PDB file of N, CA and C in Angstrom:
ATOM      1  N   MET A   1      43.272  -4.046 -45.366  1.00  0.00           N
ATOM      2  CA  MET A   1      43.070  -4.023 -43.931  1.00  0.00           C
ATOM      3  C   MET A   1      43.477  -2.672 -43.337  1.00  0.00           C
ATOM      4  N   ILE A   2      44.605  -2.128 -43.796  1.00  0.00           N
ATOM      5  CA  ILE A   2      45.073  -0.841 -43.277  1.00  0.00           C
ATOM      6  C   ILE A   2      44.085   0.264 -43.653  1.00  0.00           C
ATOM      7  N   LYS A   3      43.587   0.237 -44.889  1.00  0.00           N
ATOM      8  CA  LYS A   3      42.623   1.250 -45.325  1.00  0.00           C
ATOM      9  C   LYS A   3      41.362   1.192 -44.461  1.00  0.00           C
ATOM     10  N   LYS A   4      40.912  -0.024 -44.153  1.00  0.00           N
ATOM     11  CA  LYS A   4      39.711  -0.195 -43.330  1.00  0.00           C
ATOM     12  C   LYS A   4      39.946   0.355 -41.923  1.00  0.00           C
ATOM     13  N   THR A   5      41.118   0.111 -41.356  1.00  0.00           N
ATOM     14  CA  THR A   5      41.453   0.610 -40.023  1.00  0.00           C
ATOM     15  C   THR A   5      41.504   2.133 -40.017  1.00  0.00           C
ATOM     16  N   ILE A   6      42.114   2.699 -41.041  1.00  0.00           N
ATOM     17  CA  ILE A   6      42.189   4.163 -41.135  1.00  0.00           C
ATOM     18  C   ILE A   6      40.785   4.753 -41.266  1.00  0.00           C
ATOM     19  N   ALA A   7      39.946   4.153 -42.088  1.00  0.00           N
ATOM     20  CA  ALA A   7      38.576   4.645 -42.272  1.00  0.00           C
ATOM     21  C   ALA A   7      37.790   4.573 -40.971  1.00  0.00           C
ATOM     22  N   LEU A   8      37.890   3.465 -40.254  1.00  0.00           N
ATOM     23  CA  LEU A   8      37.168   3.325 -38.983  1.00  0.00           C
ATOM     24  C   LEU A   8      37.682   4.309 -37.937  1.00  0.00           C
ATOM     25  N   THR A   9      38.977   4.524 -37.908  1.00  0.00           N
ATOM     26  CA  THR A   9      39.551   5.494 -36.970  1.00  0.00           C
ATOM     27  C   THR A   9      39.056   6.901 -37.285  1.00  0.00           C
ATOM     28  N   THR A  10      39.020   7.243 -38.558  1.00  0.00           N
ATOM     29  CA  THR A  10      38.532   8.565 -38.969  1.00  0.00           C
ATOM     30  C   THR A  10      37.074   8.753 -38.581  1.00  0.00           C
ATOM     31  N   ILE A  11      36.254   7.749 -38.814  1.00  0.00           N
ATOM     32  CA  ILE A  11      34.836   7.832 -38.452  1.00  0.00           C
ATOM     33  C   ILE A  11      34.678   7.972 -36.942  1.00  0.00           C
ATOM     34  N   ALA A  12      35.387   7.176 -36.188  1.00  0.00           N
ATOM     35  CA  ALA A  12      35.300   7.242 -34.726  1.00  0.00           C
ATOM     36  C   ALA A  12      35.716   8.610 -34.216  1.00  0.00           C
ATOM     37  N   PHE A  13      36.780   9.168 -34.770  1.00  0.00           N
ATOM     38  CA  PHE A  13      37.231  10.493 -34.352  1.00  0.00           C
ATOM     39  C   PHE A  13      36.187  11.548 -34.665  1.00  0.00           C
ATOM     40  N   SER A  14      35.606  11.476 -35.859  1.00  0.00           N
ATOM     41  CA  SER A  14      34.623  12.497 -36.236  1.00  0.00           C
ATOM     42  C   SER A  14      33.379  12.412 -35.372  1.00  0.00           C
ATOM     43  N   LEU A  15      32.992  11.218 -34.942  1.00  0.00           N
ATOM     44  CA  LEU A  15      31.820  11.076 -34.081  1.00  0.00           C
ATOM     45  C   LEU A  15      32.086  11.599 -32.678  1.00  0.00           C
ATOM     46  N   THR A  16      33.271  11.380 -32.159  1.00  0.00           N
ATOM     47  CA  THR A  16      33.569  11.834 -30.802  1.00  0.00           C
ATOM     48  C   THR A  16      33.933  13.313 -30.767  1.00  0.00           C
ATOM     49  N   ALA A  17      34.405  13.844 -31.864  1.00  0.00           N
ATOM     50  CA  ALA A  17      34.789  15.254 -31.893  1.00  0.00           C
ATOM     51  C   ALA A  17      33.585  16.163 -31.730  1.00  0.00           C
ATOM     52  N   CYS A  18      32.422  15.687 -32.085  1.00  0.00           N
ATOM     53  CA  CYS A  18      31.212  16.503 -32.031  1.00  0.00           C
ATOM     54  C   CYS A  18      30.208  15.923 -31.042  1.00  0.00           C
ATOM     55  N   SER A  19      30.661  15.458 -29.904  1.00  0.00           N
ATOM     56  CA  SER A  19      29.746  14.945 -28.889  1.00  0.00           C
ATOM     57  C   SER A  19      30.259  15.326 -27.514  1.00  0.00           C
ATOM     58  N   GLY A  20      29.527  14.978 -26.475  1.00  0.00           N
ATOM     59  CA  GLY A  20      29.937  15.317 -25.114  1.00  0.00           C
ATOM     60  C   GLY A  20      29.320  16.628 -24.670  1.00  0.00           C
ATOM     61  N   SER A  21      30.110  17.421 -23.977  1.00  0.00           N
ATOM     62  CA  SER A  21      29.651  18.707 -23.473  1.00  0.00           C
ATOM     63  C   SER A  21      30.693  19.766 -23.800  1.00  0.00           C
ATOM     64  N   ASN A  22      30.241  20.960 -24.041  1.00  0.00           N
ATOM     65  CA  ASN A  22      31.133  22.056 -24.388  1.00  0.00           C
ATOM     66  C   ASN A  22      30.884  23.180 -23.391  1.00  0.00           C
ATOM     67  N   ASP A  23      31.934  23.694 -22.779  1.00  0.00           N
ATOM     68  CA  ASP A  23      31.770  24.715 -21.733  1.00  0.00           C
ATOM     69  C   ASP A  23      31.840  26.148 -22.253  1.00  0.00           C
ATOM     70  N   PHE A  24      31.674  26.335 -23.553  1.00  0.00           N
ATOM     71  CA  PHE A  24      31.689  27.674 -24.131  1.00  0.00           C
ATOM     72  C   PHE A  24      30.618  28.545 -23.482  1.00  0.00           C
ATOM     73  N   SER A  25      30.993  29.769 -23.110  1.00  0.00           N
ATOM     74  CA  SER A  25      30.053  30.749 -22.551  1.00  0.00           C
ATOM     75  C   SER A  25      30.038  31.978 -23.451  1.00  0.00           C
ATOM     76  N   PRO A  26      28.911  32.265 -24.084  1.00  0.00           N
ATOM     77  CA  PRO A  26      28.852  33.434 -24.960  1.00  0.00           C
ATOM     78  C   PRO A  26      28.962  34.739 -24.177  1.00  0.00           C
ATOM     79  N   GLU A  27      29.607  35.696 -24.792  1.00  0.00           N
ATOM     80  CA  GLU A  27      29.677  37.035 -24.205  1.00  0.00           C
ATOM     81  C   GLU A  27      28.353  37.745 -24.474  1.00  0.00           C
ATOM     82  N   PRO A  28      27.960  38.671 -23.617  1.00  0.00           N
ATOM     83  CA  PRO A  28      26.640  39.324 -23.748  1.00  0.00           C
ATOM     84  C   PRO A  28      26.403  40.023 -25.087  1.00  0.00           C
ATOM     85  N   ASN A  29      27.449  40.513 -25.731  1.00  0.00           N
ATOM     86  CA  ASN A  29      27.270  41.283 -26.973  1.00  0.00           C
ATOM     87  C   ASN A  29      27.368  40.427 -28.240  1.00  0.00           C
ATOM     88  N   MET A  30      27.474  39.112 -28.116  1.00  0.00           N
ATOM     89  CA  MET A  30      27.618  38.256 -29.295  1.00  0.00           C
ATOM     90  C   MET A  30      26.303  38.137 -30.055  1.00  0.00           C
ATOM     91  N   THR A  31      26.423  38.099 -31.383  1.00  0.00           N
ATOM     92  CA  THR A  31      25.252  37.894 -32.240  1.00  0.00           C
ATOM     93  C   THR A  31      25.023  36.393 -32.413  1.00  0.00           C
ATOM     94  N   GLY A  32      23.894  36.042 -33.005  1.00  0.00           N
ATOM     95  CA  GLY A  32      23.628  34.642 -33.307  1.00  0.00           C
ATOM     96  C   GLY A  32      24.688  34.061 -34.230  1.00  0.00           C
ATOM     97  N   LYS A  33      25.121  34.860 -35.201  1.00  0.00           N
ATOM     98  CA  LYS A  33      26.176  34.413 -36.114  1.00  0.00           C
ATOM     99  C   LYS A  33      27.480  34.194 -35.358  1.00  0.00           C
ATOM    100  N   ASP A  34      27.824  35.101 -34.454  1.00  0.00           N
ATOM    101  CA  ASP A  34      29.052  34.950 -33.657  1.00  0.00           C
ATOM    102  C   ASP A  34      29.035  33.637 -32.866  1.00  0.00           C
ATOM    103  N   ILE A  35      27.922  33.368 -32.208  1.00  0.00           N
ATOM    104  CA  ILE A  35      27.807  32.152 -31.395  1.00  0.00           C
ATOM    105  C   ILE A  35      27.868  30.920 -32.295  1.00  0.00           C
ATOM    106  N   PHE A  36      27.155  30.955 -33.421  1.00  0.00           N
ATOM    107  CA  PHE A  36      27.173  29.836 -34.360  1.00  0.00           C
ATOM    108  C   PHE A  36      28.592  29.572 -34.845  1.00  0.00           C
ATOM    109  N   ASP A  37      29.281  30.621 -35.247  1.00  0.00           N
ATOM    110  CA  ASP A  37      30.640  30.466 -35.762  1.00  0.00           C
ATOM    111  C   ASP A  37      31.587  29.876 -34.726  1.00  0.00           C
ATOM    112  N   ARG A  38      31.411  30.227 -33.463  1.00  0.00           N
ATOM    113  CA  ARG A  38      32.292  29.747 -32.389  1.00  0.00           C
ATOM    114  C   ARG A  38      31.934  28.349 -31.888  1.00  0.00           C
ATOM    115  N   THR A  39      30.655  27.943 -32.039  1.00  0.00           N
ATOM    116  CA  THR A  39      30.240  26.680 -31.430  1.00  0.00           C
ATOM    117  C   THR A  39      29.716  25.636 -32.414  1.00  0.00           C
ATOM    118  N   CYS A  40      29.104  26.041 -33.473  1.00  0.00           N
ATOM    119  CA  CYS A  40      28.398  25.107 -34.347  1.00  0.00           C
ATOM    120  C   CYS A  40      29.110  24.829 -35.672  1.00  0.00           C
ATOM    121  N   ALA A  41      29.780  25.836 -36.208  1.00  0.00           N
ATOM    122  CA  ALA A  41      30.355  25.732 -37.552  1.00  0.00           C
ATOM    123  C   ALA A  41      31.416  24.640 -37.660  1.00  0.00           C
ATOM    124  N   GLU A  42      32.031  24.277 -36.559  1.00  0.00           N
ATOM    125  CA  GLU A  42      33.050  23.229 -36.583  1.00  0.00           C
ATOM    126  C   GLU A  42      32.471  21.897 -37.069  1.00  0.00           C
ATOM    127  N   CYS A  43      31.244  21.608 -36.704  1.00  0.00           N
ATOM    128  CA  CYS A  43      30.612  20.339 -37.080  1.00  0.00           C
ATOM    129  C   CYS A  43      29.547  20.496 -38.156  1.00  0.00           C
ATOM    130  N   HIS A  44      28.939  21.668 -38.258  1.00  0.00           N
ATOM    131  CA  HIS A  44      27.877  21.895 -39.235  1.00  0.00           C
ATOM    132  C   HIS A  44      28.428  22.714 -40.397  1.00  0.00           C
ATOM    133  N   ALA A  45      28.707  22.032 -41.496  1.00  0.00           N
ATOM    134  CA  ALA A  45      29.244  22.693 -42.681  1.00  0.00           C
ATOM    135  C   ALA A  45      28.130  23.430 -43.415  1.00  0.00           C
ATOM    136  N   PRO A  46      28.454  24.556 -44.025  1.00  0.00           N
ATOM    137  CA  PRO A  46      27.444  25.301 -44.792  1.00  0.00           C
ATOM    138  C   PRO A  46      26.899  24.472 -45.951  1.00  0.00           C
ATOM    139  N   VAL A  47      25.661  24.756 -46.309  1.00  0.00           N
ATOM    140  CA  VAL A  47      25.007  24.126 -47.451  1.00  0.00           C
ATOM    141  C   VAL A  47      24.680  25.255 -48.417  1.00  0.00           C
ATOM    142  N   GLY A  48      25.567  25.495 -49.359  1.00  0.00           N
ATOM    143  CA  GLY A  48      25.391  26.621 -50.276  1.00  0.00           C
ATOM    144  C   GLY A  48      25.409  27.928 -49.499  1.00  0.00           C
ATOM    145  N   GLU A  49      24.365  28.699 -49.644  1.00  0.00           N
ATOM    146  CA  GLU A  49      24.267  29.988 -48.951  1.00  0.00           C
ATOM    147  C   GLU A  49      23.710  29.854 -47.531  1.00  0.00           C
ATOM    148  N   TYR A  50      23.368  28.637 -47.125  1.00  0.00           N
ATOM    149  CA  TYR A  50      22.761  28.392 -45.815  1.00  0.00           C
ATOM    150  C   TYR A  50      23.794  27.868 -44.813  1.00  0.00           C
ATOM    151  N   VAL A  51      23.560  28.123 -43.516  1.00  0.00           N
ATOM    152  CA  VAL A  51      24.491  27.648 -42.488  1.00  0.00           C
ATOM    153  C   VAL A  51      24.360  26.152 -42.263  1.00  0.00           C
ATOM    154  N   MET A  52      23.183  25.595 -42.516  1.00  0.00           N
ATOM    155  CA  MET A  52      22.977  24.155 -42.391  1.00  0.00           C
ATOM    156  C   MET A  52      21.660  23.770 -43.026  1.00  0.00           C
ATOM    157  N   GLU A  53      21.423  22.477 -43.060  1.00  0.00           N
ATOM    158  CA  GLU A  53      20.172  21.948 -43.572  1.00  0.00           C
ATOM    159  C   GLU A  53      19.428  21.307 -42.406  1.00  0.00           C
ATOM    160  N   LEU A  54      18.173  21.685 -42.234  1.00  0.00           N
ATOM    161  CA  LEU A  54      17.355  21.180 -41.132  1.00  0.00           C
ATOM    162  C   LEU A  54      16.187  20.371 -41.659  1.00  0.00           C
ATOM    163  N   SER A  55      15.785  19.371 -40.876  1.00  0.00           N
ATOM    164  CA  SER A  55      14.533  18.693 -41.203  1.00  0.00           C
ATOM    165  C   SER A  55      13.400  19.668 -40.891  1.00  0.00           C
ATOM    166  N   SER A  56      12.257  19.479 -41.506  1.00  0.00           N
ATOM    167  CA  SER A  56      11.151  20.423 -41.321  1.00  0.00           C
ATOM    168  C   SER A  56      10.710  20.523 -39.866  1.00  0.00           C
ATOM    169  N   ASP A  57      10.800  19.422 -39.107  1.00  0.00           N
ATOM    170  CA  ASP A  57      10.394  19.474 -37.703  1.00  0.00           C
ATOM    171  C   ASP A  57      11.419  20.193 -36.821  1.00  0.00           C
ATOM    172  N   MET A  58      12.651  20.351 -37.298  1.00  0.00           N
ATOM    173  CA  MET A  58      13.671  21.057 -36.506  1.00  0.00           C
ATOM    174  C   MET A  58      13.769  22.538 -36.858  1.00  0.00           C
ATOM    175  N   LYS A  59      13.025  23.001 -37.846  1.00  0.00           N
ATOM    176  CA  LYS A  59      13.081  24.419 -38.209  1.00  0.00           C
ATOM    177  C   LYS A  59      12.170  25.204 -37.259  1.00  0.00           C
ATOM    178  N   ASP A  60      12.536  25.147 -35.988  1.00  0.00           N
ATOM    179  CA  ASP A  60      11.778  25.769 -34.904  1.00  0.00           C
ATOM    180  C   ASP A  60      12.781  26.252 -33.858  1.00  0.00           C
ATOM    181  N   ALA A  61      12.747  27.527 -33.553  1.00  0.00           N
ATOM    182  CA  ALA A  61      13.744  28.115 -32.649  1.00  0.00           C
ATOM    183  C   ALA A  61      13.756  27.452 -31.269  1.00  0.00           C
ATOM    184  N   ASP A  62      12.598  27.119 -30.722  1.00  0.00           N
ATOM    185  CA  ASP A  62      12.551  26.485 -29.402  1.00  0.00           C
ATOM    186  C   ASP A  62      13.177  25.099 -29.424  1.00  0.00           C
ATOM    187  N   ARG A  63      12.910  24.329 -30.473  1.00  0.00           N
ATOM    188  CA  ARG A  63      13.499  22.986 -30.578  1.00  0.00           C
ATOM    189  C   ARG A  63      15.014  23.069 -30.726  1.00  0.00           C
ATOM    190  N   ILE A  64      15.478  24.033 -31.500  1.00  0.00           N
ATOM    191  CA  ILE A  64      16.927  24.194 -31.670  1.00  0.00           C
ATOM    192  C   ILE A  64      17.568  24.612 -30.354  1.00  0.00           C
ATOM    193  N   ALA A  65      16.963  25.555 -29.642  1.00  0.00           N
ATOM    194  CA  ALA A  65      17.511  25.990 -28.347  1.00  0.00           C
ATOM    195  C   ALA A  65      17.597  24.814 -27.376  1.00  0.00           C
ATOM    196  N   ASN A  66      16.574  23.961 -27.351  1.00  0.00           N
ATOM    197  CA  ASN A  66      16.597  22.777 -26.484  1.00  0.00           C
ATOM    198  C   ASN A  66      17.689  21.802 -26.895  1.00  0.00           C
ATOM    199  N   LYS A  67      17.880  21.624 -28.204  1.00  0.00           N
ATOM    200  CA  LYS A  67      18.920  20.721 -28.701  1.00  0.00           C
ATOM    201  C   LYS A  67      20.305  21.247 -28.347  1.00  0.00           C
ATOM    202  N   VAL A  68      20.501  22.557 -28.450  1.00  0.00           N
ATOM    203  CA  VAL A  68      21.791  23.168 -28.087  1.00  0.00           C
ATOM    204  C   VAL A  68      22.064  22.935 -26.606  1.00  0.00           C
ATOM    205  N   LEU A  69      21.086  23.130 -25.786  1.00  0.00           N
ATOM    206  CA  LEU A  69      21.253  22.973 -24.336  1.00  0.00           C
ATOM    207  C   LEU A  69      21.520  21.519 -23.934  1.00  0.00           C
ATOM    208  N   SER A  70      20.766  20.591 -24.522  1.00  0.00           N
ATOM    209  CA  SER A  70      20.877  19.193 -24.093  1.00  0.00           C
ATOM    210  C   SER A  70      21.798  18.341 -24.950  1.00  0.00           C
ATOM    211  N   GLY A  71      22.039  18.729 -26.192  1.00  0.00           N
ATOM    212  CA  GLY A  71      22.862  17.926 -27.082  1.00  0.00           C
ATOM    213  C   GLY A  71      22.123  16.677 -27.527  1.00  0.00           C
ATOM    214  N   SER A  72      22.855  15.770 -28.159  1.00  0.00           N
ATOM    215  CA  SER A  72      22.303  14.489 -28.600  1.00  0.00           C
ATOM    216  C   SER A  72      23.457  13.519 -28.757  1.00  0.00           C
ATOM    217  N   LEU A  73      23.186  12.388 -29.329  1.00  0.00           N
ATOM    218  CA  LEU A  73      24.209  11.367 -29.487  1.00  0.00           C
ATOM    219  C   LEU A  73      25.457  11.904 -30.194  1.00  0.00           C
ATOM    220  N   MET A  74      25.265  12.670 -31.253  1.00  0.00           N
ATOM    221  CA  MET A  74      26.411  13.164 -32.023  1.00  0.00           C
ATOM    222  C   MET A  74      26.687  14.648 -31.829  1.00  0.00           C
ATOM    223  N   MET A  75      25.860  15.342 -31.078  1.00  0.00           N
ATOM    224  CA  MET A  75      26.048  16.777 -30.864  1.00  0.00           C
ATOM    225  C   MET A  75      26.301  17.040 -29.388  1.00  0.00           C
ATOM    226  N   PRO A  76      27.334  17.833 -29.089  1.00  0.00           N
ATOM    227  CA  PRO A  76      27.594  18.127 -27.680  1.00  0.00           C
ATOM    228  C   PRO A  76      26.504  19.022 -27.098  1.00  0.00           C
ATOM    229  N   SER A  77      26.365  18.968 -25.800  1.00  0.00           N
ATOM    230  CA  SER A  77      25.476  19.912 -25.131  1.00  0.00           C
ATOM    231  C   SER A  77      26.268  21.191 -24.870  1.00  0.00           C
ATOM    232  N   PHE A  78      25.577  22.296 -24.843  1.00  0.00           N
ATOM    233  CA  PHE A  78      26.175  23.595 -24.540  1.00  0.00           C
ATOM    234  C   PHE A  78      25.397  24.182 -23.360  1.00  0.00           C
ATOM    235  N   PRO A  79      25.696  23.714 -22.144  1.00  0.00           N
ATOM    236  CA  PRO A  79      24.911  24.122 -20.978  1.00  0.00           C
ATOM    237  C   PRO A  79      24.995  25.613 -20.646  1.00  0.00           C
ATOM    238  N   ASN A  80      25.987  26.306 -21.183  1.00  0.00           N
ATOM    239  CA  ASN A  80      26.133  27.733 -20.895  1.00  0.00           C
ATOM    240  C   ASN A  80      25.463  28.628 -21.931  1.00  0.00           C
ATOM    241  N   ILE A  81      24.859  28.032 -22.953  1.00  0.00           N
ATOM    242  CA  ILE A  81      24.110  28.829 -23.928  1.00  0.00           C
ATOM    243  C   ILE A  81      22.644  28.730 -23.547  1.00  0.00           C
ATOM    244  N   GLN A  82      22.189  29.732 -22.826  1.00  0.00           N
ATOM    245  CA  GLN A  82      20.819  29.777 -22.318  1.00  0.00           C
ATOM    246  C   GLN A  82      20.263  31.180 -22.472  1.00  0.00           C
ATOM    247  N   GLY A  83      18.999  31.328 -22.190  1.00  0.00           N
ATOM    248  CA  GLY A  83      18.361  32.646 -22.174  1.00  0.00           C
ATOM    249  C   GLY A  83      18.476  33.367 -23.505  1.00  0.00           C
ATOM    250  N   VAL A  84      18.884  34.620 -23.442  1.00  0.00           N
ATOM    251  CA  VAL A  84      18.971  35.466 -24.632  1.00  0.00           C
ATOM    252  C   VAL A  84      19.937  34.876 -25.650  1.00  0.00           C
ATOM    253  N   SER A  85      21.057  34.350 -25.201  1.00  0.00           N
ATOM    254  CA  SER A  85      22.042  33.769 -26.122  1.00  0.00           C
ATOM    255  C   SER A  85      21.448  32.596 -26.892  1.00  0.00           C
ATOM    256  N   ALA A  86      20.719  31.730 -26.212  1.00  0.00           N
ATOM    257  CA  ALA A  86      20.071  30.591 -26.877  1.00  0.00           C
ATOM    258  C   ALA A  86      19.031  31.078 -27.873  1.00  0.00           C
ATOM    259  N   LYS A  87      18.304  32.112 -27.499  1.00  0.00           N
ATOM    260  CA  LYS A  87      17.263  32.660 -28.370  1.00  0.00           C
ATOM    261  C   LYS A  87      17.860  33.241 -29.649  1.00  0.00           C
ATOM    262  N   ILE A  88      18.905  34.058 -29.513  1.00  0.00           N
ATOM    263  CA  ILE A  88      19.463  34.677 -30.725  1.00  0.00           C
ATOM    264  C   ILE A  88      20.191  33.649 -31.594  1.00  0.00           C
ATOM    265  N   LEU A  89      20.819  32.652 -30.975  1.00  0.00           N
ATOM    266  CA  LEU A  89      21.466  31.596 -31.759  1.00  0.00           C
ATOM    267  C   LEU A  89      20.418  30.791 -32.518  1.00  0.00           C
ATOM    268  N   SER A  90      19.380  30.348 -31.835  1.00  0.00           N
ATOM    269  CA  SER A  90      18.374  29.499 -32.488  1.00  0.00           C
ATOM    270  C   SER A  90      17.607  30.269 -33.562  1.00  0.00           C
ATOM    271  N   GLU A  91      17.338  31.535 -33.338  1.00  0.00           N
ATOM    272  CA  GLU A  91      16.672  32.345 -34.366  1.00  0.00           C
ATOM    273  C   GLU A  91      17.575  32.519 -35.585  1.00  0.00           C
ATOM    274  N   TYR A  92      18.868  32.704 -35.354  1.00  0.00           N
ATOM    275  CA  TYR A  92      19.834  32.811 -36.458  1.00  0.00           C
ATOM    276  C   TYR A  92      19.828  31.516 -37.278  1.00  0.00           C
ATOM    277  N   VAL A  93      19.861  30.380 -36.599  1.00  0.00           N
ATOM    278  CA  VAL A  93      19.877  29.092 -37.299  1.00  0.00           C
ATOM    279  C   VAL A  93      18.603  28.918 -38.125  1.00  0.00           C
ATOM    280  N   VAL A  94      17.454  29.213 -37.542  1.00  0.00           N
ATOM    281  CA  VAL A  94      16.185  29.075 -38.277  1.00  0.00           C
ATOM    282  C   VAL A  94      16.176  29.983 -39.502  1.00  0.00           C
ATOM    283  N   GLU A  95      16.594  31.224 -39.332  1.00  0.00           N
ATOM    284  CA  GLU A  95      16.546  32.200 -40.434  1.00  0.00           C
ATOM    285  C   GLU A  95      17.542  31.885 -41.553  1.00  0.00           C
ATOM    286  N   HIS A  96      18.636  31.202 -41.221  1.00  0.00           N
ATOM    287  CA  HIS A  96      19.699  30.991 -42.197  1.00  0.00           C
ATOM    288  C   HIS A  96      19.903  29.527 -42.585  1.00  0.00           C
ATOM    289  N   SER A  97      18.891  28.701 -42.388  1.00  0.00           N
ATOM    290  CA  SER A  97      18.993  27.284 -42.719  1.00  0.00           C
ATOM    291  C   SER A  97      18.033  26.902 -43.837  1.00  0.00           C
ATOM    292  N   LYS A  98      18.424  25.880 -44.537  1.00  0.00           N
ATOM    293  CA  LYS A  98      17.611  25.305 -45.602  1.00  0.00           C
ATOM    294  C   LYS A  98      16.849  24.122 -45.015  1.00  0.00           C
ATOM    295  N   VAL A  99      15.616  23.927 -45.457  1.00  0.00           N
ATOM    296  CA  VAL A  99      14.819  22.788 -45.007  1.00  0.00           C
ATOM    297  C   VAL A  99      15.018  21.649 -46.007  1.00  0.00           C
ATOM    298  N   LYS A 100      15.245  20.446 -45.462  1.00  0.00           N
ATOM    299  CA  LYS A 100      15.424  19.258 -46.324  1.00  0.00           C
ATOM    300  C   LYS A 100      14.179  18.974 -47.097  1.00  0.00           C
TER     301      LYS A 100
END
């Protein structure tokens, strides 16, 4: 029973740790890697030499930029990552990700 409670608590914490909204604001001189490291790497673990693994339909810079801005059930929204910052982050993710 204790093991089950600990496991459920761990799962609940991991789900809430990577959801909601994040008020991070990128500085104008940040690269896509800089932004990824500060905002995404906490929840998205590297896959070998790649920063993450994407489904084939998500390997699109515009879709990634929209997902960063709006978030999802398990991913926080980043309302301050827009414009050029969103573009360089999403292009970095596309260029450095593996397709499932």
